[in-house]
Amino acid sequence: MGYRSCELLLVDTLRHGLVLRNLPEDEQMSRRKEALRIAQRALRGRGDLERAFRRLRRVGVFLPEDEEITEALAAVESRLASQD
């Protein structure tokens, strides 16, 4: 059962990644802009860092080379690590 559960989780993760990569470009840019906005609010102390981390990771699936996303993700990760 454990093997089957892991298999299903892997398939679901891959499917989700494919869906994100195949979004129309305007939808990708909209999600990018929203993720950066959420991250900036969180870094200023006016938002949830966990939420910002999740949004930035999702955008990183279809924009892995985007420097702003990468920098924002690093800043959010650093802030999250310092909270622990």
PDB file of N, CA and C in Angstrom:
ATOM      1  N   MET A   1       0.814  -1.203   0.000  1.00  0.00           N
ATOM      2  CA  MET A   1       0.000   0.000   0.000  1.00  0.00           C
ATOM      3  C   MET A   1       0.857   1.266   0.000  1.00  0.00           C
ATOM      4  N   GLY A   2       1.935   1.202   0.740  1.00  0.00           N
ATOM      5  CA  GLY A   2       2.816   2.362   0.803  1.00  0.00           C
ATOM      6  C   GLY A   2       3.421   2.686  -0.549  1.00  0.00           C
ATOM      7  N   TYR A   3       3.825   1.648  -1.276  1.00  0.00           N
ATOM      8  CA  TYR A   3       4.387   1.833  -2.606  1.00  0.00           C
ATOM      9  C   TYR A   3       3.356   2.465  -3.532  1.00  0.00           C
ATOM     10  N   ARG A   4       2.141   1.975  -3.474  1.00  0.00           N
ATOM     11  CA  ARG A   4       1.062   2.500  -4.323  1.00  0.00           C
ATOM     12  C   ARG A   4       0.769   3.965  -3.982  1.00  0.00           C
ATOM     13  N   SER A   5       0.767   4.294  -2.708  1.00  0.00           N
ATOM     14  CA  SER A   5       0.526   5.677  -2.283  1.00  0.00           C
ATOM     15  C   SER A   5       1.601   6.606  -2.825  1.00  0.00           C
ATOM     16  N   CYS A   6       2.846   6.175  -2.754  1.00  0.00           N
ATOM     17  CA  CYS A   6       3.950   6.987  -3.280  1.00  0.00           C
ATOM     18  C   CYS A   6       3.821   7.155  -4.787  1.00  0.00           C
ATOM     19  N   GLU A   7       3.428   6.093  -5.447  1.00  0.00           N
ATOM     20  CA  GLU A   7       3.243   6.139  -6.892  1.00  0.00           C
ATOM     21  C   GLU A   7       2.159   7.155  -7.270  1.00  0.00           C
ATOM     22  N   LEU A   8       1.048   7.124  -6.567  1.00  0.00           N
ATOM     23  CA  LEU A   8      -0.051   8.056  -6.840  1.00  0.00           C
ATOM     24  C   LEU A   8       0.355   9.501  -6.559  1.00  0.00           C
ATOM     25  N   LEU A   9       1.109   9.706  -5.502  1.00  0.00           N
ATOM     26  CA  LEU A   9       1.588  11.047  -5.177  1.00  0.00           C
ATOM     27  C   LEU A   9       2.512  11.571  -6.270  1.00  0.00           C
ATOM     28  N   LEU A  10       3.386  10.714  -6.765  1.00  0.00           N
ATOM     29  CA  LEU A  10       4.300  11.108  -7.838  1.00  0.00           C
ATOM     30  C   LEU A  10       3.538  11.466  -9.108  1.00  0.00           C
ATOM     31  N   VAL A  11       2.582  10.649  -9.485  1.00  0.00           N
ATOM     32  CA  VAL A  11       1.781  10.913 -10.685  1.00  0.00           C
ATOM     33  C   VAL A  11       1.014  12.221 -10.535  1.00  0.00           C
ATOM     34  N   ASP A  12       0.448  12.457  -9.373  1.00  0.00           N
ATOM     35  CA  ASP A  12      -0.302  13.690  -9.141  1.00  0.00           C
ATOM     36  C   ASP A  12       0.610  14.910  -9.230  1.00  0.00           C
ATOM     37  N   THR A  13       1.804  14.805  -8.669  1.00  0.00           N
ATOM     38  CA  THR A  13       2.769  15.914  -8.719  1.00  0.00           C
ATOM     39  C   THR A  13       3.192  16.210 -10.157  1.00  0.00           C
ATOM     40  N   LEU A  14       3.463  15.163 -10.921  1.00  0.00           N
ATOM     41  CA  LEU A  14       3.848  15.353 -12.320  1.00  0.00           C
ATOM     42  C   LEU A  14       2.712  15.964 -13.133  1.00  0.00           C
ATOM     43  N   ARG A  15       1.490  15.509 -12.898  1.00  0.00           N
ATOM     44  CA  ARG A  15       0.332  16.049 -13.606  1.00  0.00           C
ATOM     45  C   ARG A  15       0.163  17.537 -13.304  1.00  0.00           C
ATOM     46  N   HIS A  16       0.314  17.887 -12.030  1.00  0.00           N
ATOM     47  CA  HIS A  16       0.171  19.295 -11.634  1.00  0.00           C
ATOM     48  C   HIS A  16       1.242  20.155 -12.318  1.00  0.00           C
ATOM     49  N   GLY A  17       2.462  19.654 -12.397  1.00  0.00           N
ATOM     50  CA  GLY A  17       3.533  20.384 -13.069  1.00  0.00           C
ATOM     51  C   GLY A  17       3.253  20.588 -14.545  1.00  0.00           C
ATOM     52  N   LEU A  18       2.710  19.572 -15.191  1.00  0.00           N
ATOM     53  CA  LEU A  18       2.369  19.701 -16.610  1.00  0.00           C
ATOM     54  C   LEU A  18       1.268  20.725 -16.832  1.00  0.00           C
ATOM     55  N   VAL A  19       0.298  20.729 -15.966  1.00  0.00           N
ATOM     56  CA  VAL A  19      -0.787  21.712 -16.072  1.00  0.00           C
ATOM     57  C   VAL A  19      -0.217  23.121 -15.964  1.00  0.00           C
ATOM     58  N   LEU A  20       0.657  23.345 -14.990  1.00  0.00           N
ATOM     59  CA  LEU A  20       1.247  24.671 -14.809  1.00  0.00           C
ATOM     60  C   LEU A  20       2.102  25.078 -16.007  1.00  0.00           C
ATOM     61  N   ARG A  21       2.888  24.158 -16.526  1.00  0.00           N
ATOM     62  CA  ARG A  21       3.755  24.482 -17.657  1.00  0.00           C
ATOM     63  C   ARG A  21       2.981  24.798 -18.931  1.00  0.00           C
ATOM     64  N   ASN A  22       1.777  24.289 -19.042  1.00  0.00           N
ATOM     65  CA  ASN A  22       0.970  24.493 -20.245  1.00  0.00           C
ATOM     66  C   ASN A  22      -0.064  25.607 -20.112  1.00  0.00           C
ATOM     67  N   LEU A  23       0.040  26.413 -19.077  1.00  0.00           N
ATOM     68  CA  LEU A  23      -0.857  27.560 -18.942  1.00  0.00           C
ATOM     69  C   LEU A  23      -0.565  28.566 -20.053  1.00  0.00           C
ATOM     70  N   PRO A  24      -1.586  29.290 -20.492  1.00  0.00           N
ATOM     71  CA  PRO A  24      -1.329  30.360 -21.466  1.00  0.00           C
ATOM     72  C   PRO A  24      -0.363  31.397 -20.871  1.00  0.00           C
ATOM     73  N   GLU A  25       0.397  32.042 -21.733  1.00  0.00           N
ATOM     74  CA  GLU A  25       1.418  32.989 -21.256  1.00  0.00           C
ATOM     75  C   GLU A  25       0.828  34.112 -20.410  1.00  0.00           C
ATOM     76  N   ASP A  26      -0.342  34.637 -20.781  1.00  0.00           N
ATOM     77  CA  ASP A  26      -0.934  35.718 -19.985  1.00  0.00           C
ATOM     78  C   ASP A  26      -1.317  35.223 -18.597  1.00  0.00           C
ATOM     79  N   GLU A  27      -1.751  33.981 -18.469  1.00  0.00           N
ATOM     80  CA  GLU A  27      -2.067  33.402 -17.157  1.00  0.00           C
ATOM     81  C   GLU A  27      -0.792  33.200 -16.347  1.00  0.00           C
ATOM     82  N   GLN A  28       0.283  32.772 -17.006  1.00  0.00           N
ATOM     83  CA  GLN A  28       1.560  32.625 -16.317  1.00  0.00           C
ATOM     84  C   GLN A  28       2.045  33.969 -15.771  1.00  0.00           C
ATOM     85  N   MET A  29       1.955  35.006 -16.588  1.00  0.00           N
ATOM     86  CA  MET A  29       2.418  36.323 -16.142  1.00  0.00           C
ATOM     87  C   MET A  29       1.532  36.876 -15.017  1.00  0.00           C
ATOM     88  N   SER A  30       0.261  36.586 -15.080  1.00  0.00           N
ATOM     89  CA  SER A  30      -0.646  37.005 -14.020  1.00  0.00           C
ATOM     90  C   SER A  30      -0.281  36.320 -12.705  1.00  0.00           C
ATOM     91  N   ARG A  31      -0.015  35.037 -12.770  1.00  0.00           N
ATOM     92  CA  ARG A  31       0.378  34.293 -11.563  1.00  0.00           C
ATOM     93  C   ARG A  31       1.734  34.760 -11.050  1.00  0.00           C
ATOM     94  N   ARG A  32       2.638  35.100 -11.947  1.00  0.00           N
ATOM     95  CA  ARG A  32       3.951  35.609 -11.554  1.00  0.00           C
ATOM     96  C   ARG A  32       3.798  36.916 -10.786  1.00  0.00           C
ATOM     97  N   LYS A  33       3.019  37.813 -11.360  1.00  0.00           N
ATOM     98  CA  LYS A  33       2.801  39.117 -10.733  1.00  0.00           C
ATOM     99  C   LYS A  33       2.157  38.964  -9.353  1.00  0.00           C
ATOM    100  N   GLU A  34       1.171  38.088  -9.254  1.00  0.00           N
ATOM    101  CA  GLU A  34       0.497  37.871  -7.977  1.00  0.00           C
ATOM    102  C   GLU A  34       1.452  37.270  -6.947  1.00  0.00           C
ATOM    103  N   ALA A  35       2.267  36.309  -7.359  1.00  0.00           N
ATOM    104  CA  ALA A  35       3.219  35.679  -6.442  1.00  0.00           C
ATOM    105  C   ALA A  35       4.224  36.698  -5.907  1.00  0.00           C
ATOM    106  N   LEU A  36       4.722  37.561  -6.779  1.00  0.00           N
ATOM    107  CA  LEU A  36       5.661  38.594  -6.339  1.00  0.00           C
ATOM    108  C   LEU A  36       4.998  39.587  -5.390  1.00  0.00           C
ATOM    109  N   ARG A  37       3.757  39.937  -5.670  1.00  0.00           N
ATOM    110  CA  ARG A  37       3.020  40.852  -4.787  1.00  0.00           C
ATOM    111  C   ARG A  37       2.830  40.231  -3.401  1.00  0.00           C
ATOM    112  N   ILE A  38       2.433  38.969  -3.363  1.00  0.00           N
ATOM    113  CA  ILE A  38       2.231  38.267  -2.095  1.00  0.00           C
ATOM    114  C   ILE A  38       3.546  38.152  -1.333  1.00  0.00           C
ATOM    115  N   ALA A  39       4.627  37.875  -2.049  1.00  0.00           N
ATOM    116  CA  ALA A  39       5.940  37.752  -1.407  1.00  0.00           C
ATOM    117  C   ALA A  39       6.390  39.088  -0.811  1.00  0.00           C
ATOM    118  N   GLN A  40       6.211  40.167  -1.552  1.00  0.00           N
ATOM    119  CA  GLN A  40       6.610  41.477  -1.034  1.00  0.00           C
ATOM    120  C   GLN A  40       5.834  41.845   0.227  1.00  0.00           C
ATOM    121  N   ARG A  41       4.542  41.577   0.218  1.00  0.00           N
ATOM    122  CA  ARG A  41       3.719  41.844   1.409  1.00  0.00           C
ATOM    123  C   ARG A  41       4.208  41.006   2.593  1.00  0.00           C
ATOM    124  N   ALA A  42       4.505  39.752   2.337  1.00  0.00           N
ATOM    125  CA  ALA A  42       4.957  38.862   3.414  1.00  0.00           C
ATOM    126  C   ALA A  42       6.310  39.308   3.958  1.00  0.00           C
ATOM    127  N   LEU A  43       7.205  39.722   3.074  1.00  0.00           N
ATOM    128  CA  LEU A  43       8.525  40.165   3.515  1.00  0.00           C
ATOM    129  C   LEU A  43       8.462  41.476   4.295  1.00  0.00           C
ATOM    130  N   ARG A  44       7.436  42.258   4.056  1.00  0.00           N
ATOM    131  CA  ARG A  44       7.239  43.500   4.817  1.00  0.00           C
ATOM    132  C   ARG A  44       6.505  43.257   6.131  1.00  0.00           C
ATOM    133  N   GLY A  45       6.133  42.002   6.379  1.00  0.00           N
ATOM    134  CA  GLY A  45       5.436  41.669   7.616  1.00  0.00           C
ATOM    135  C   GLY A  45       3.935  41.804   7.538  1.00  0.00           C
ATOM    136  N   ARG A  46       3.398  41.982   6.346  1.00  0.00           N
ATOM    137  CA  ARG A  46       1.959  42.165   6.181  1.00  0.00           C
ATOM    138  C   ARG A  46       1.279  40.978   5.498  1.00  0.00           C
ATOM    139  N   GLY A  47       1.963  39.854   5.454  1.00  0.00           N
ATOM    140  CA  GLY A  47       1.396  38.689   4.791  1.00  0.00           C
ATOM    141  C   GLY A  47       1.979  37.404   5.340  1.00  0.00           C
ATOM    142  N   ASP A  48       1.468  36.309   4.859  1.00  0.00           N
ATOM    143  CA  ASP A  48       1.869  34.984   5.308  1.00  0.00           C
ATOM    144  C   ASP A  48       3.062  34.481   4.492  1.00  0.00           C
ATOM    145  N   LEU A  49       4.166  34.221   5.147  1.00  0.00           N
ATOM    146  CA  LEU A  49       5.368  33.751   4.466  1.00  0.00           C
ATOM    147  C   LEU A  49       5.172  32.366   3.850  1.00  0.00           C
ATOM    148  N   GLU A  50       4.444  31.504   4.521  1.00  0.00           N
ATOM    149  CA  GLU A  50       4.189  30.162   3.982  1.00  0.00           C
ATOM    150  C   GLU A  50       3.417  30.247   2.672  1.00  0.00           C
ATOM    151  N   ARG A  51       2.406  31.105   2.647  1.00  0.00           N
ATOM    152  CA  ARG A  51       1.605  31.295   1.426  1.00  0.00           C
ATOM    153  C   ARG A  51       2.486  31.827   0.301  1.00  0.00           C
ATOM    154  N   ALA A  52       3.327  32.800   0.628  1.00  0.00           N
ATOM    155  CA  ALA A  52       4.232  33.373  -0.367  1.00  0.00           C
ATOM    156  C   ALA A  52       5.185  32.297  -0.901  1.00  0.00           C
ATOM    157  N   PHE A  53       5.694  31.460  -0.017  1.00  0.00           N
ATOM    158  CA  PHE A  53       6.599  30.391  -0.425  1.00  0.00           C
ATOM    159  C   PHE A  53       5.907  29.436  -1.400  1.00  0.00           C
ATOM    160  N   ARG A  54       4.691  29.033  -1.073  1.00  0.00           N
ATOM    161  CA  ARG A  54       3.950  28.119  -1.950  1.00  0.00           C
ATOM    162  C   ARG A  54       3.687  28.737  -3.315  1.00  0.00           C
ATOM    163  N   ARG A  55       3.270  30.015  -3.339  1.00  0.00           N
ATOM    164  CA  ARG A  55       2.991  30.680  -4.617  1.00  0.00           C
ATOM    165  C   ARG A  55       4.236  30.811  -5.468  1.00  0.00           C
ATOM    166  N   LEU A  56       5.342  31.205  -4.857  1.00  0.00           N
ATOM    167  CA  LEU A  56       6.587  31.354  -5.605  1.00  0.00           C
ATOM    168  C   LEU A  56       7.077  30.012  -6.148  1.00  0.00           C
ATOM    169  N   ARG A  57       6.927  28.947  -5.376  1.00  0.00           N
ATOM    170  CA  ARG A  57       7.330  27.615  -5.861  1.00  0.00           C
ATOM    171  C   ARG A  57       6.499  27.196  -7.061  1.00  0.00           C
ATOM    172  N   ARG A  58       5.195  27.484  -7.024  1.00  0.00           N
ATOM    173  CA  ARG A  58       4.333  27.130  -8.161  1.00  0.00           C
ATOM    174  C   ARG A  58       4.760  27.882  -9.416  1.00  0.00           C
ATOM    175  N   VAL A  59       5.048  29.165  -9.271  1.00  0.00           N
ATOM    176  CA  VAL A  59       5.474  29.964 -10.419  1.00  0.00           C
ATOM    177  C   VAL A  59       6.837  29.479 -10.913  1.00  0.00           C
ATOM    178  N   GLY A  60       7.685  29.041  -9.999  1.00  0.00           N
ATOM    179  CA  GLY A  60       8.987  28.522 -10.374  1.00  0.00           C
ATOM    180  C   GLY A  60       8.920  27.287 -11.256  1.00  0.00           C
ATOM    181  N   VAL A  61       7.792  26.604 -11.244  1.00  0.00           N
ATOM    182  CA  VAL A  61       7.622  25.429 -12.104  1.00  0.00           C
ATOM    183  C   VAL A  61       7.650  25.833 -13.575  1.00  0.00           C
ATOM    184  N   PHE A  62       6.962  26.934 -13.917  1.00  0.00           N
ATOM    185  CA  PHE A  62       6.926  27.323 -15.325  1.00  0.00           C
ATOM    186  C   PHE A  62       7.846  28.489 -15.661  1.00  0.00           C
ATOM    187  N   LEU A  63       8.458  29.107 -14.668  1.00  0.00           N
ATOM    188  CA  LEU A  63       9.440  30.173 -14.912  1.00  0.00           C
ATOM    189  C   LEU A  63      10.697  29.917 -14.062  1.00  0.00           C
ATOM    190  N   PRO A  64      11.384  28.796 -14.277  1.00  0.00           N
ATOM    191  CA  PRO A  64      12.520  28.458 -13.413  1.00  0.00           C
ATOM    192  C   PRO A  64      13.716  29.407 -13.545  1.00  0.00           C
ATOM    193  N   GLU A  65      13.821  30.136 -14.636  1.00  0.00           N
ATOM    194  CA  GLU A  65      14.961  31.023 -14.862  1.00  0.00           C
ATOM    195  C   GLU A  65      14.667  32.476 -14.488  1.00  0.00           C
ATOM    196  N   ASP A  66      13.491  32.768 -13.991  1.00  0.00           N
ATOM    197  CA  ASP A  66      13.097  34.135 -13.654  1.00  0.00           C
ATOM    198  C   ASP A  66      13.862  34.590 -12.406  1.00  0.00           C
ATOM    199  N   GLU A  67      14.708  35.604 -12.572  1.00  0.00           N
ATOM    200  CA  GLU A  67      15.560  36.069 -11.476  1.00  0.00           C
ATOM    201  C   GLU A  67      14.763  36.675 -10.326  1.00  0.00           C
ATOM    202  N   GLU A  68      13.721  37.428 -10.630  1.00  0.00           N
ATOM    203  CA  GLU A  68      12.913  38.028  -9.562  1.00  0.00           C
ATOM    204  C   GLU A  68      12.247  36.954  -8.711  1.00  0.00           C
ATOM    205  N   ILE A  69      11.731  35.941  -9.353  1.00  0.00           N
ATOM    206  CA  ILE A  69      11.097  34.846  -8.625  1.00  0.00           C
ATOM    207  C   ILE A  69      12.132  34.125  -7.770  1.00  0.00           C
ATOM    208  N   THR A  70      13.295  33.844  -8.344  1.00  0.00           N
ATOM    209  CA  THR A  70      14.360  33.152  -7.626  1.00  0.00           C
ATOM    210  C   THR A  70      14.817  33.949  -6.411  1.00  0.00           C
ATOM    211  N   GLU A  71      15.004  35.257  -6.585  1.00  0.00           N
ATOM    212  CA  GLU A  71      15.444  36.115  -5.479  1.00  0.00           C
ATOM    213  C   GLU A  71      14.375  36.219  -4.391  1.00  0.00           C
ATOM    214  N   ALA A  72      13.119  36.370  -4.809  1.00  0.00           N
ATOM    215  CA  ALA A  72      12.030  36.459  -3.837  1.00  0.00           C
ATOM    216  C   ALA A  72      11.897  35.151  -3.064  1.00  0.00           C
ATOM    217  N   LEU A  73      12.031  34.037  -3.753  1.00  0.00           N
ATOM    218  CA  LEU A  73      11.944  32.732  -3.105  1.00  0.00           C
ATOM    219  C   LEU A  73      13.066  32.564  -2.080  1.00  0.00           C
ATOM    220  N   ALA A  74      14.274  32.976  -2.438  1.00  0.00           N
ATOM    221  CA  ALA A  74      15.404  32.888  -1.511  1.00  0.00           C
ATOM    222  C   ALA A  74      15.167  33.760  -0.281  1.00  0.00           C
ATOM    223  N   ALA A  75      14.635  34.959  -0.480  1.00  0.00           N
ATOM    224  CA  ALA A  75      14.362  35.857   0.642  1.00  0.00           C
ATOM    225  C   ALA A  75      13.297  35.282   1.560  1.00  0.00           C
ATOM    226  N   VAL A  76      12.244  34.739   0.960  1.00  0.00           N
ATOM    227  CA  VAL A  76      11.164  34.156   1.775  1.00  0.00           C
ATOM    228  C   VAL A  76      11.678  32.927   2.535  1.00  0.00           C
ATOM    229  N   GLU A  77      12.448  32.071   1.842  1.00  0.00           N
ATOM    230  CA  GLU A  77      13.020  30.891   2.504  1.00  0.00           C
ATOM    231  C   GLU A  77      13.908  31.291   3.674  1.00  0.00           C
ATOM    232  N   SER A  78      14.711  32.308   3.474  1.00  0.00           N
ATOM    233  CA  SER A  78      15.593  32.789   4.527  1.00  0.00           C
ATOM    234  C   SER A  78      14.793  33.289   5.727  1.00  0.00           C
ATOM    235  N   ARG A  79      13.767  34.048   5.460  1.00  0.00           N
ATOM    236  CA  ARG A  79      12.922  34.582   6.535  1.00  0.00           C
ATOM    237  C   ARG A  79      12.209  33.443   7.268  1.00  0.00           C
ATOM    238  N   LEU A  80      11.735  32.453   6.529  1.00  0.00           N
ATOM    239  CA  LEU A  80      11.085  31.303   7.163  1.00  0.00           C
ATOM    240  C   LEU A  80      12.067  30.532   8.043  1.00  0.00           C
ATOM    241  N   ALA A  81      13.296  30.368   7.559  1.00  0.00           N
ATOM    242  CA  ALA A  81      14.304  29.635   8.321  1.00  0.00           C
ATOM    243  C   ALA A  81      14.665  30.372   9.608  1.00  0.00           C
ATOM    244  N   SER A  82      14.673  31.689   9.555  1.00  0.00           N
ATOM    245  CA  SER A  82      15.017  32.466  10.736  1.00  0.00           C
ATOM    246  C   SER A  82      13.908  32.458  11.787  1.00  0.00           C
ATOM    247  N   GLN A  83      12.692  32.098  11.366  1.00  0.00           N
ATOM    248  CA  GLN A  83      11.585  32.014  12.324  1.00  0.00           C
ATOM    249  C   GLN A  83      11.653  30.748  13.160  1.00  0.00           C
ATOM    250  N   ASP A  84      12.289  29.712  12.627  1.00  0.00           N
ATOM    251  CA  ASP A  84      12.325  28.428  13.341  1.00  0.00           C
ATOM    252  C   ASP A  84      13.307  28.418  14.458  1.00  0.00           C
TER     253      ASP A  84
END
